[in-house]
Amino acid sequence: MWSLKAVTQLCKNTVASGNISAISTAGLKYFAPPIKYENIEKVERPKLRIMERMPQYPPNLRPPKMQKRLRYMRGPELVHNTLLHKQYAIVATGGGRLRWGHYEMMRLTIGRKMNTDTMFATWRIPAPWQPITKKGQGQRMGGGKGAIDHYVTPIRAGRIIVEIAGRCEFIEVKGFLTQVANQLPFKATVVSQEMLDQQQVEEDLKERSNENPFTMKYVIQNNLNGCHRWLSPVDHKWFGKHL
């Protein structure tokens, strides 16, 4: 058994005698191959277009008024919940309403930050179309429905707001897309196609591997503990997933 003192003394004697031979070796490094963007479609206008502040009606038609219709913001989005270009996007995780100022904020921020030579952005939501009425300050109650104040676009959870694609990676667009998502009037997040696929796989795995039979759906459908007395119709429809 060699002691630490003996090994140290042996090294000192070897260095003093000059019997050390240095062998230069070259290591083999591995670099990942570059990403091939073969299926990228080239667009004429890479930046987001300007949205109209209000819908255009014929001159002989009075703009119609509308009820609140809060159901347009509740529940999951069933149609526009997938990526068309299969790259990156901003996805709403909660319901809310977008005004014209939010459109301009997204258009200007993304237009300044993005590289128009390698990437492009597209809207996945329509222009503001739902009228919101408001009465003037100081008016007494009654007198009919107020005049149209502005227009909004109702958004549901899971709706794709803006989509970014092109010859770019996720790290390039995550910064300014997160900045935009944090300024929206509802909760939103930045996702990629890989993240959406992974999320779907995890949800399916949890559902298959769940050994507890008392899920929220089972409890509500079987009225366990008399929960029908205090549950809302929304809970009966989506089983506690959406408000």
C-alpha atoms as a PDB file:
ATOM      1  CA  MET A   1       0.000   0.000   0.000  1.00  0.00           C
ATOM      2  CA  TRP A   2       1.494   3.295  -1.056  1.00  0.00           C
ATOM      3  CA  SER A   3       1.227   6.142   1.362  1.00  0.00           C
ATOM      4  CA  LEU A   4       0.557   9.755   0.329  1.00  0.00           C
ATOM      5  CA  LYS A   5       4.041  10.790   1.489  1.00  0.00           C
ATOM      6  CA  ALA A   6       5.746   8.083  -0.590  1.00  0.00           C
ATOM      7  CA  VAL A   7       3.785   8.990  -3.725  1.00  0.00           C
ATOM      8  CA  THR A   8       4.615  12.671  -3.287  1.00  0.00           C
ATOM      9  CA  GLN A   9       8.315  11.944  -2.838  1.00  0.00           C
ATOM     10  CA  LEU A  10       8.343   9.684  -5.926  1.00  0.00           C
ATOM     11  CA  CYS A  11       6.769  12.418  -8.051  1.00  0.00           C
ATOM     12  CA  LYS A  12       9.317  14.971  -6.849  1.00  0.00           C
ATOM     13  CA  ASN A  13      12.231  12.643  -7.708  1.00  0.00           C
ATOM     14  CA  THR A  14      10.791  11.920 -11.164  1.00  0.00           C
ATOM     15  CA  VAL A  15      10.371  15.621 -11.953  1.00  0.00           C
ATOM     16  CA  ALA A  16      13.897  16.409 -10.692  1.00  0.00           C
ATOM     17  CA  SER A  17      15.494  13.712 -12.849  1.00  0.00           C
ATOM     18  CA  GLY A  18      13.668  14.863 -15.981  1.00  0.00           C
ATOM     19  CA  ASN A  19      12.272  11.444 -16.883  1.00  0.00           C
ATOM     20  CA  ILE A  20       8.758  12.711 -17.643  1.00  0.00           C
ATOM     21  CA  SER A  21       7.657  12.316 -21.269  1.00  0.00           C
ATOM     22  CA  ALA A  22       4.696  14.419 -22.353  1.00  0.00           C
ATOM     23  CA  ILE A  23       2.426  12.906 -25.015  1.00  0.00           C
ATOM     24  CA  SER A  24       0.149  15.351 -26.810  1.00  0.00           C
ATOM     25  CA  THR A  25      -3.246  13.909 -27.685  1.00  0.00           C
ATOM     26  CA  ALA A  26      -6.179  15.431 -29.526  1.00  0.00           C
ATOM     27  CA  GLY A  27      -9.693  14.719 -28.338  1.00  0.00           C
ATOM     28  CA  LEU A  28     -12.562  14.075 -30.713  1.00  0.00           C
ATOM     29  CA  LYS A  29     -15.382  16.588 -30.281  1.00  0.00           C
ATOM     30  CA  TYR A  30     -18.929  15.992 -31.424  1.00  0.00           C
ATOM     31  CA  PHE A  31     -21.005  18.840 -32.788  1.00  0.00           C
ATOM     32  CA  ALA A  32     -24.679  18.342 -33.483  1.00  0.00           C
ATOM     33  CA  PRO A  33     -25.632  18.693 -37.146  1.00  0.00           C
ATOM     34  CA  PRO A  34     -27.305  21.968 -38.118  1.00  0.00           C
ATOM     35  CA  ILE A  35     -31.070  22.099 -38.236  1.00  0.00           C
ATOM     36  CA  LYS A  36     -32.526  21.757 -41.722  1.00  0.00           C
ATOM     37  CA  TYR A  37     -35.408  24.090 -42.475  1.00  0.00           C
ATOM     38  CA  GLU A  38     -36.721  22.372 -45.573  1.00  0.00           C
ATOM     39  CA  ASN A  39     -40.482  22.761 -45.127  1.00  0.00           C
ATOM     40  CA  ILE A  40     -40.504  26.477 -44.305  1.00  0.00           C
ATOM     41  CA  GLU A  41     -42.942  28.496 -46.386  1.00  0.00           C
ATOM     42  CA  LYS A  42     -41.787  31.918 -47.549  1.00  0.00           C
ATOM     43  CA  VAL A  43     -44.293  34.733 -46.990  1.00  0.00           C
ATOM     44  CA  GLU A  44     -44.451  38.141 -48.610  1.00  0.00           C
ATOM     45  CA  ARG A  45     -45.107  40.127 -45.413  1.00  0.00           C
ATOM     46  CA  PRO A  46     -43.166  38.730 -42.446  1.00  0.00           C
ATOM     47  CA  LYS A  47     -44.536  41.227 -39.916  1.00  0.00           C
ATOM     48  CA  LEU A  48     -47.989  41.253 -38.360  1.00  0.00           C
ATOM     49  CA  ARG A  49     -50.566  43.269 -40.257  1.00  0.00           C
ATOM     50  CA  ILE A  50     -52.504  46.145 -38.682  1.00  0.00           C
ATOM     51  CA  MET A  51     -55.869  45.106 -37.288  1.00  0.00           C
ATOM     52  CA  GLU A  52     -58.944  47.319 -37.630  1.00  0.00           C
ATOM     53  CA  ARG A  53     -60.137  49.018 -34.482  1.00  0.00           C
ATOM     54  CA  MET A  54     -63.788  48.202 -35.279  1.00  0.00           C
ATOM     55  CA  PRO A  55     -65.624  46.174 -37.923  1.00  0.00           C
ATOM     56  CA  GLN A  56     -66.739  47.987 -41.072  1.00  0.00           C
ATOM     57  CA  TYR A  57     -70.500  48.040 -41.704  1.00  0.00           C
ATOM     58  CA  PRO A  58     -72.402  49.395 -44.728  1.00  0.00           C
ATOM     59  CA  PRO A  59     -73.303  53.093 -44.408  1.00  0.00           C
ATOM     60  CA  ASN A  60     -77.032  52.329 -44.253  1.00  0.00           C
ATOM     61  CA  LEU A  61     -76.659  49.800 -41.419  1.00  0.00           C
ATOM     62  CA  ARG A  62     -76.524  50.771 -37.766  1.00  0.00           C
ATOM     63  CA  PRO A  63     -73.805  48.846 -35.858  1.00  0.00           C
ATOM     64  CA  PRO A  64     -75.639  46.176 -33.850  1.00  0.00           C
ATOM     65  CA  LYS A  65     -75.312  45.937 -30.076  1.00  0.00           C
ATOM     66  CA  MET A  66     -74.805  42.697 -28.225  1.00  0.00           C
ATOM     67  CA  GLN A  67     -75.205  41.120 -24.818  1.00  0.00           C
ATOM     68  CA  LYS A  68     -72.184  40.329 -22.656  1.00  0.00           C
ATOM     69  CA  ARG A  69     -72.124  36.635 -23.647  1.00  0.00           C
ATOM     70  CA  LEU A  70     -69.457  35.628 -21.158  1.00  0.00           C
ATOM     71  CA  ARG A  71     -69.705  32.063 -22.440  1.00  0.00           C
ATOM     72  CA  TYR A  72     -67.461  33.142 -25.314  1.00  0.00           C
ATOM     73  CA  MET A  73     -64.568  33.314 -22.815  1.00  0.00           C
ATOM     74  CA  ARG A  74     -65.316  30.193 -20.758  1.00  0.00           C
ATOM     75  CA  GLY A  75     -64.142  26.681 -21.381  1.00  0.00           C
ATOM     76  CA  PRO A  76     -61.478  25.238 -23.695  1.00  0.00           C
ATOM     77  CA  GLU A  77     -60.771  26.255 -27.270  1.00  0.00           C
ATOM     78  CA  LEU A  78     -61.764  23.389 -29.562  1.00  0.00           C
ATOM     79  CA  VAL A  79     -60.778  24.709 -33.011  1.00  0.00           C
ATOM     80  CA  HIS A  80     -57.744  27.010 -33.038  1.00  0.00           C
ATOM     81  CA  ASN A  81     -55.629  25.051 -30.560  1.00  0.00           C
ATOM     82  CA  THR A  82     -52.927  23.618 -32.864  1.00  0.00           C
ATOM     83  CA  LEU A  83     -49.961  25.206 -34.633  1.00  0.00           C
ATOM     84  CA  LEU A  84     -50.194  25.583 -38.391  1.00  0.00           C
ATOM     85  CA  HIS A  85     -46.438  26.009 -38.966  1.00  0.00           C
ATOM     86  CA  LYS A  86     -45.474  23.547 -36.201  1.00  0.00           C
ATOM     87  CA  GLN A  87     -42.914  25.866 -34.578  1.00  0.00           C
ATOM     88  CA  TYR A  88     -43.578  28.511 -31.887  1.00  0.00           C
ATOM     89  CA  ALA A  89     -46.544  30.511 -30.614  1.00  0.00           C
ATOM     90  CA  ILE A  90     -48.238  32.319 -27.731  1.00  0.00           C
ATOM     91  CA  VAL A  91     -51.070  30.256 -26.221  1.00  0.00           C
ATOM     92  CA  ALA A  92     -53.740  31.532 -23.841  1.00  0.00           C
ATOM     93  CA  THR A  93     -54.043  29.507 -20.633  1.00  0.00           C
ATOM     94  CA  GLY A  94     -57.103  31.398 -19.410  1.00  0.00           C
ATOM     95  CA  GLY A  95     -60.096  33.250 -20.780  1.00  0.00           C
ATOM     96  CA  GLY A  96     -60.300  36.972 -21.409  1.00  0.00           C
ATOM     97  CA  ARG A  97     -60.887  39.758 -23.913  1.00  0.00           C
ATOM     98  CA  LEU A  98     -58.443  41.464 -26.238  1.00  0.00           C
ATOM     99  CA  ARG A  99     -58.857  45.135 -27.075  1.00  0.00           C
ATOM    100  CA  TRP A 100     -57.347  46.981 -30.008  1.00  0.00           C
ATOM    101  CA  GLY A 101     -54.536  48.329 -27.813  1.00  0.00           C
ATOM    102  CA  HIS A 102     -53.374  44.785 -27.098  1.00  0.00           C
ATOM    103  CA  TYR A 103     -53.186  44.087 -30.820  1.00  0.00           C
ATOM    104  CA  GLU A 104     -50.976  47.130 -31.334  1.00  0.00           C
ATOM    105  CA  MET A 105     -48.777  46.159 -28.398  1.00  0.00           C
ATOM    106  CA  MET A 106     -48.196  42.705 -29.874  1.00  0.00           C
ATOM    107  CA  ARG A 107     -47.656  44.018 -33.398  1.00  0.00           C
ATOM    108  CA  LEU A 108     -45.137  46.700 -32.421  1.00  0.00           C
ATOM    109  CA  THR A 109     -43.198  44.595 -29.913  1.00  0.00           C
ATOM    110  CA  ILE A 110     -42.855  41.588 -32.189  1.00  0.00           C
ATOM    111  CA  GLY A 111     -42.088  43.788 -35.191  1.00  0.00           C
ATOM    112  CA  ARG A 112     -39.189  45.460 -33.358  1.00  0.00           C
ATOM    113  CA  LYS A 113     -37.704  42.310 -31.861  1.00  0.00           C
ATOM    114  CA  MET A 114     -38.008  39.727 -34.626  1.00  0.00           C
ATOM    115  CA  ASN A 115     -35.545  39.248 -37.471  1.00  0.00           C
ATOM    116  CA  THR A 116     -37.578  39.665 -40.657  1.00  0.00           C
ATOM    117  CA  ASP A 117     -34.876  37.993 -42.761  1.00  0.00           C
ATOM    118  CA  THR A 118     -35.203  34.616 -41.073  1.00  0.00           C
ATOM    119  CA  MET A 119     -38.644  34.530 -39.381  1.00  0.00           C
ATOM    120  CA  PHE A 120     -42.222  35.672 -39.848  1.00  0.00           C
ATOM    121  CA  ALA A 121     -45.288  36.129 -37.639  1.00  0.00           C
ATOM    122  CA  THR A 122     -48.968  35.462 -38.276  1.00  0.00           C
ATOM    123  CA  TRP A 123     -52.170  36.292 -36.413  1.00  0.00           C
ATOM    124  CA  ARG A 124     -54.321  33.401 -35.231  1.00  0.00           C
ATOM    125  CA  ILE A 125     -57.144  35.582 -33.903  1.00  0.00           C
ATOM    126  CA  PRO A 126     -59.624  37.832 -35.735  1.00  0.00           C
ATOM    127  CA  ALA A 127     -59.871  41.592 -35.397  1.00  0.00           C
ATOM    128  CA  PRO A 128     -62.055  42.978 -32.559  1.00  0.00           C
ATOM    129  CA  TRP A 129     -65.670  42.186 -33.418  1.00  0.00           C
ATOM    130  CA  GLN A 130     -67.751  41.978 -30.210  1.00  0.00           C
ATOM    131  CA  PRO A 131     -69.241  45.382 -29.233  1.00  0.00           C
ATOM    132  CA  ILE A 132     -68.998  46.569 -25.634  1.00  0.00           C
ATOM    133  CA  THR A 133     -71.481  49.258 -24.620  1.00  0.00           C
ATOM    134  CA  LYS A 134     -71.004  51.895 -21.961  1.00  0.00           C
ATOM    135  CA  LYS A 135     -73.028  54.794 -20.599  1.00  0.00           C
ATOM    136  CA  GLY A 136     -71.583  58.195 -19.885  1.00  0.00           C
ATOM    137  CA  GLN A 137     -70.469  59.033 -16.374  1.00  0.00           C
ATOM    138  CA  GLY A 138     -73.083  60.604 -14.129  1.00  0.00           C
ATOM    139  CA  GLN A 139     -76.169  59.316 -15.942  1.00  0.00           C
ATOM    140  CA  ARG A 140     -79.042  57.946 -13.916  1.00  0.00           C
ATOM    141  CA  MET A 141     -80.304  54.410 -14.392  1.00  0.00           C
ATOM    142  CA  GLY A 142     -82.664  53.593 -17.233  1.00  0.00           C
ATOM    143  CA  GLY A 143     -82.902  55.128 -20.648  1.00  0.00           C
ATOM    144  CA  GLY A 144     -82.085  51.984 -22.590  1.00  0.00           C
ATOM    145  CA  LYS A 145     -78.837  50.317 -23.500  1.00  0.00           C
ATOM    146  CA  GLY A 146     -75.792  52.557 -23.767  1.00  0.00           C
ATOM    147  CA  ALA A 147     -73.822  53.389 -26.888  1.00  0.00           C
ATOM    148  CA  ILE A 148     -71.015  51.194 -28.223  1.00  0.00           C
ATOM    149  CA  ASP A 149     -67.756  52.188 -26.531  1.00  0.00           C
ATOM    150  CA  HIS A 150     -65.248  49.762 -28.095  1.00  0.00           C
ATOM    151  CA  TYR A 151     -64.887  46.311 -29.626  1.00  0.00           C
ATOM    152  CA  VAL A 152     -63.121  43.248 -28.210  1.00  0.00           C
ATOM    153  CA  THR A 153     -62.200  39.697 -29.208  1.00  0.00           C
ATOM    154  CA  PRO A 154     -63.150  36.994 -26.659  1.00  0.00           C
ATOM    155  CA  ILE A 155     -60.430  34.389 -26.046  1.00  0.00           C
ATOM    156  CA  ARG A 156     -60.757  30.930 -24.509  1.00  0.00           C
ATOM    157  CA  ALA A 157     -58.111  28.795 -22.799  1.00  0.00           C
ATOM    158  CA  GLY A 158     -55.918  26.983 -25.305  1.00  0.00           C
ATOM    159  CA  ARG A 159     -56.363  29.533 -28.104  1.00  0.00           C
ATOM    160  CA  ILE A 160     -53.316  30.274 -30.276  1.00  0.00           C
ATOM    161  CA  ILE A 161     -52.785  34.059 -30.268  1.00  0.00           C
ATOM    162  CA  VAL A 162     -49.695  34.675 -32.422  1.00  0.00           C
ATOM    163  CA  GLU A 163     -47.561  32.186 -34.291  1.00  0.00           C
ATOM    164  CA  ILE A 164     -43.855  32.600 -35.148  1.00  0.00           C
ATOM    165  CA  ALA A 165     -42.075  30.462 -37.740  1.00  0.00           C
ATOM    166  CA  GLY A 166     -39.085  30.523 -40.057  1.00  0.00           C
ATOM    167  CA  ARG A 167     -35.384  29.702 -39.876  1.00  0.00           C
ATOM    168  CA  CYS A 168     -35.094  30.256 -36.140  1.00  0.00           C
ATOM    169  CA  GLU A 169     -34.819  28.327 -32.907  1.00  0.00           C
ATOM    170  CA  PHE A 170     -36.935  28.547 -29.771  1.00  0.00           C
ATOM    171  CA  ILE A 171     -34.286  30.407 -27.783  1.00  0.00           C
ATOM    172  CA  GLU A 172     -34.341  33.232 -30.343  1.00  0.00           C
ATOM    173  CA  VAL A 173     -38.047  33.974 -30.009  1.00  0.00           C
ATOM    174  CA  LYS A 174     -38.714  33.005 -26.402  1.00  0.00           C
ATOM    175  CA  GLY A 175     -37.529  36.333 -24.960  1.00  0.00           C
ATOM    176  CA  PHE A 176     -39.777  38.782 -26.802  1.00  0.00           C
ATOM    177  CA  LEU A 177     -42.716  36.367 -26.954  1.00  0.00           C
ATOM    178  CA  THR A 178     -42.596  36.048 -23.165  1.00  0.00           C
ATOM    179  CA  GLN A 179     -42.534  39.837 -22.899  1.00  0.00           C
ATOM    180  CA  VAL A 180     -45.689  40.012 -25.021  1.00  0.00           C
ATOM    181  CA  ALA A 181     -47.438  37.180 -23.156  1.00  0.00           C
ATOM    182  CA  ASN A 182     -46.877  38.894 -19.793  1.00  0.00           C
ATOM    183  CA  GLN A 183     -48.683  42.037 -20.972  1.00  0.00           C
ATOM    184  CA  LEU A 184     -51.852  40.335 -22.153  1.00  0.00           C
ATOM    185  CA  PRO A 185     -55.040  40.767 -20.050  1.00  0.00           C
ATOM    186  CA  PHE A 186     -55.205  37.017 -19.353  1.00  0.00           C
ATOM    187  CA  LYS A 187     -52.729  34.275 -18.542  1.00  0.00           C
ATOM    188  CA  ALA A 188     -50.684  33.171 -21.536  1.00  0.00           C
ATOM    189  CA  THR A 189     -47.503  31.214 -22.164  1.00  0.00           C
ATOM    190  CA  VAL A 190     -44.932  30.683 -24.923  1.00  0.00           C
ATOM    191  CA  VAL A 191     -44.816  27.180 -26.388  1.00  0.00           C
ATOM    192  CA  SER A 192     -43.192  25.211 -29.184  1.00  0.00           C
ATOM    193  CA  GLN A 193     -44.530  22.239 -31.089  1.00  0.00           C
ATOM    194  CA  GLU A 194     -42.282  19.896 -29.093  1.00  0.00           C
ATOM    195  CA  MET A 195     -43.665  21.277 -25.827  1.00  0.00           C
ATOM    196  CA  LEU A 196     -47.253  20.753 -26.959  1.00  0.00           C
ATOM    197  CA  ASP A 197     -46.501  17.183 -28.032  1.00  0.00           C
ATOM    198  CA  GLN A 198     -44.767  16.443 -24.731  1.00  0.00           C
ATOM    199  CA  GLN A 199     -47.671  17.931 -22.787  1.00  0.00           C
ATOM    200  CA  GLN A 200     -50.152  15.735 -24.647  1.00  0.00           C
ATOM    201  CA  VAL A 201     -48.034  12.639 -24.018  1.00  0.00           C
ATOM    202  CA  GLU A 202     -47.816  13.416 -20.287  1.00  0.00           C
ATOM    203  CA  GLU A 203     -51.575  13.937 -20.007  1.00  0.00           C
ATOM    204  CA  ASP A 204     -52.276  10.637 -21.748  1.00  0.00           C
ATOM    205  CA  LEU A 205     -49.737   8.872 -19.530  1.00  0.00           C
ATOM    206  CA  LYS A 206     -51.284  10.274 -16.346  1.00  0.00           C
ATOM    207  CA  GLU A 207     -54.735   9.207 -17.470  1.00  0.00           C
ATOM    208  CA  ARG A 208     -53.622   5.668 -18.308  1.00  0.00           C
ATOM    209  CA  SER A 209     -51.486   5.137 -15.209  1.00  0.00           C
ATOM    210  CA  ASN A 210     -53.971   6.584 -12.716  1.00  0.00           C
ATOM    211  CA  GLU A 211     -54.980   3.887 -10.232  1.00  0.00           C
ATOM    212  CA  ASN A 212     -57.305   6.054  -8.155  1.00  0.00           C
ATOM    213  CA  PRO A 213     -60.895   5.520  -9.333  1.00  0.00           C
ATOM    214  CA  PHE A 214     -62.159   8.630  -7.548  1.00  0.00           C
ATOM    215  CA  THR A 215     -61.410  11.186 -10.238  1.00  0.00           C
ATOM    216  CA  MET A 216     -63.197  14.519 -10.448  1.00  0.00           C
ATOM    217  CA  LYS A 217     -65.312  13.221 -13.316  1.00  0.00           C
ATOM    218  CA  TYR A 218     -66.341  10.130 -11.340  1.00  0.00           C
ATOM    219  CA  VAL A 219     -67.176  12.156  -8.212  1.00  0.00           C
ATOM    220  CA  ILE A 220     -69.332  14.674 -10.089  1.00  0.00           C
ATOM    221  CA  GLN A 221     -71.163  12.129 -12.225  1.00  0.00           C
ATOM    222  CA  ASN A 222     -72.033   9.967  -9.213  1.00  0.00           C
ATOM    223  CA  ASN A 223     -72.929  12.844  -6.850  1.00  0.00           C
ATOM    224  CA  LEU A 224     -70.577  11.664  -4.119  1.00  0.00           C
ATOM    225  CA  ASN A 225     -71.150  13.426  -0.780  1.00  0.00           C
ATOM    226  CA  GLY A 226     -74.046  15.308  -2.363  1.00  0.00           C
ATOM    227  CA  CYS A 227     -71.757  17.560  -4.395  1.00  0.00           C
ATOM    228  CA  HIS A 228     -74.568  18.452  -6.814  1.00  0.00           C
ATOM    229  CA  ARG A 229     -75.946  20.836  -4.197  1.00  0.00           C
ATOM    230  CA  TRP A 230     -73.063  23.262  -4.481  1.00  0.00           C
ATOM    231  CA  LEU A 231     -71.482  22.546  -7.890  1.00  0.00           C
ATOM    232  CA  SER A 232     -72.042  24.970 -10.750  1.00  0.00           C
ATOM    233  CA  PRO A 233     -73.202  24.017 -14.260  1.00  0.00           C
ATOM    234  CA  VAL A 234     -69.662  24.706 -15.468  1.00  0.00           C
ATOM    235  CA  ASP A 235     -68.323  21.953 -13.180  1.00  0.00           C
ATOM    236  CA  HIS A 236     -70.851  19.507 -14.610  1.00  0.00           C
ATOM    237  CA  LYS A 237     -69.688  20.376 -18.124  1.00  0.00           C
ATOM    238  CA  TRP A 238     -65.878  20.396 -17.762  1.00  0.00           C
ATOM    239  CA  PHE A 239     -65.431  18.525 -14.434  1.00  0.00           C
ATOM    240  CA  GLY A 240     -63.441  21.219 -12.638  1.00  0.00           C
ATOM    241  CA  LYS A 241     -60.896  21.883 -15.410  1.00  0.00           C
ATOM    242  CA  HIS A 242     -62.181  25.300 -16.474  1.00  0.00           C
ATOM    243  CA  LEU A 243     -63.912  28.078 -14.549  1.00  0.00           C
END
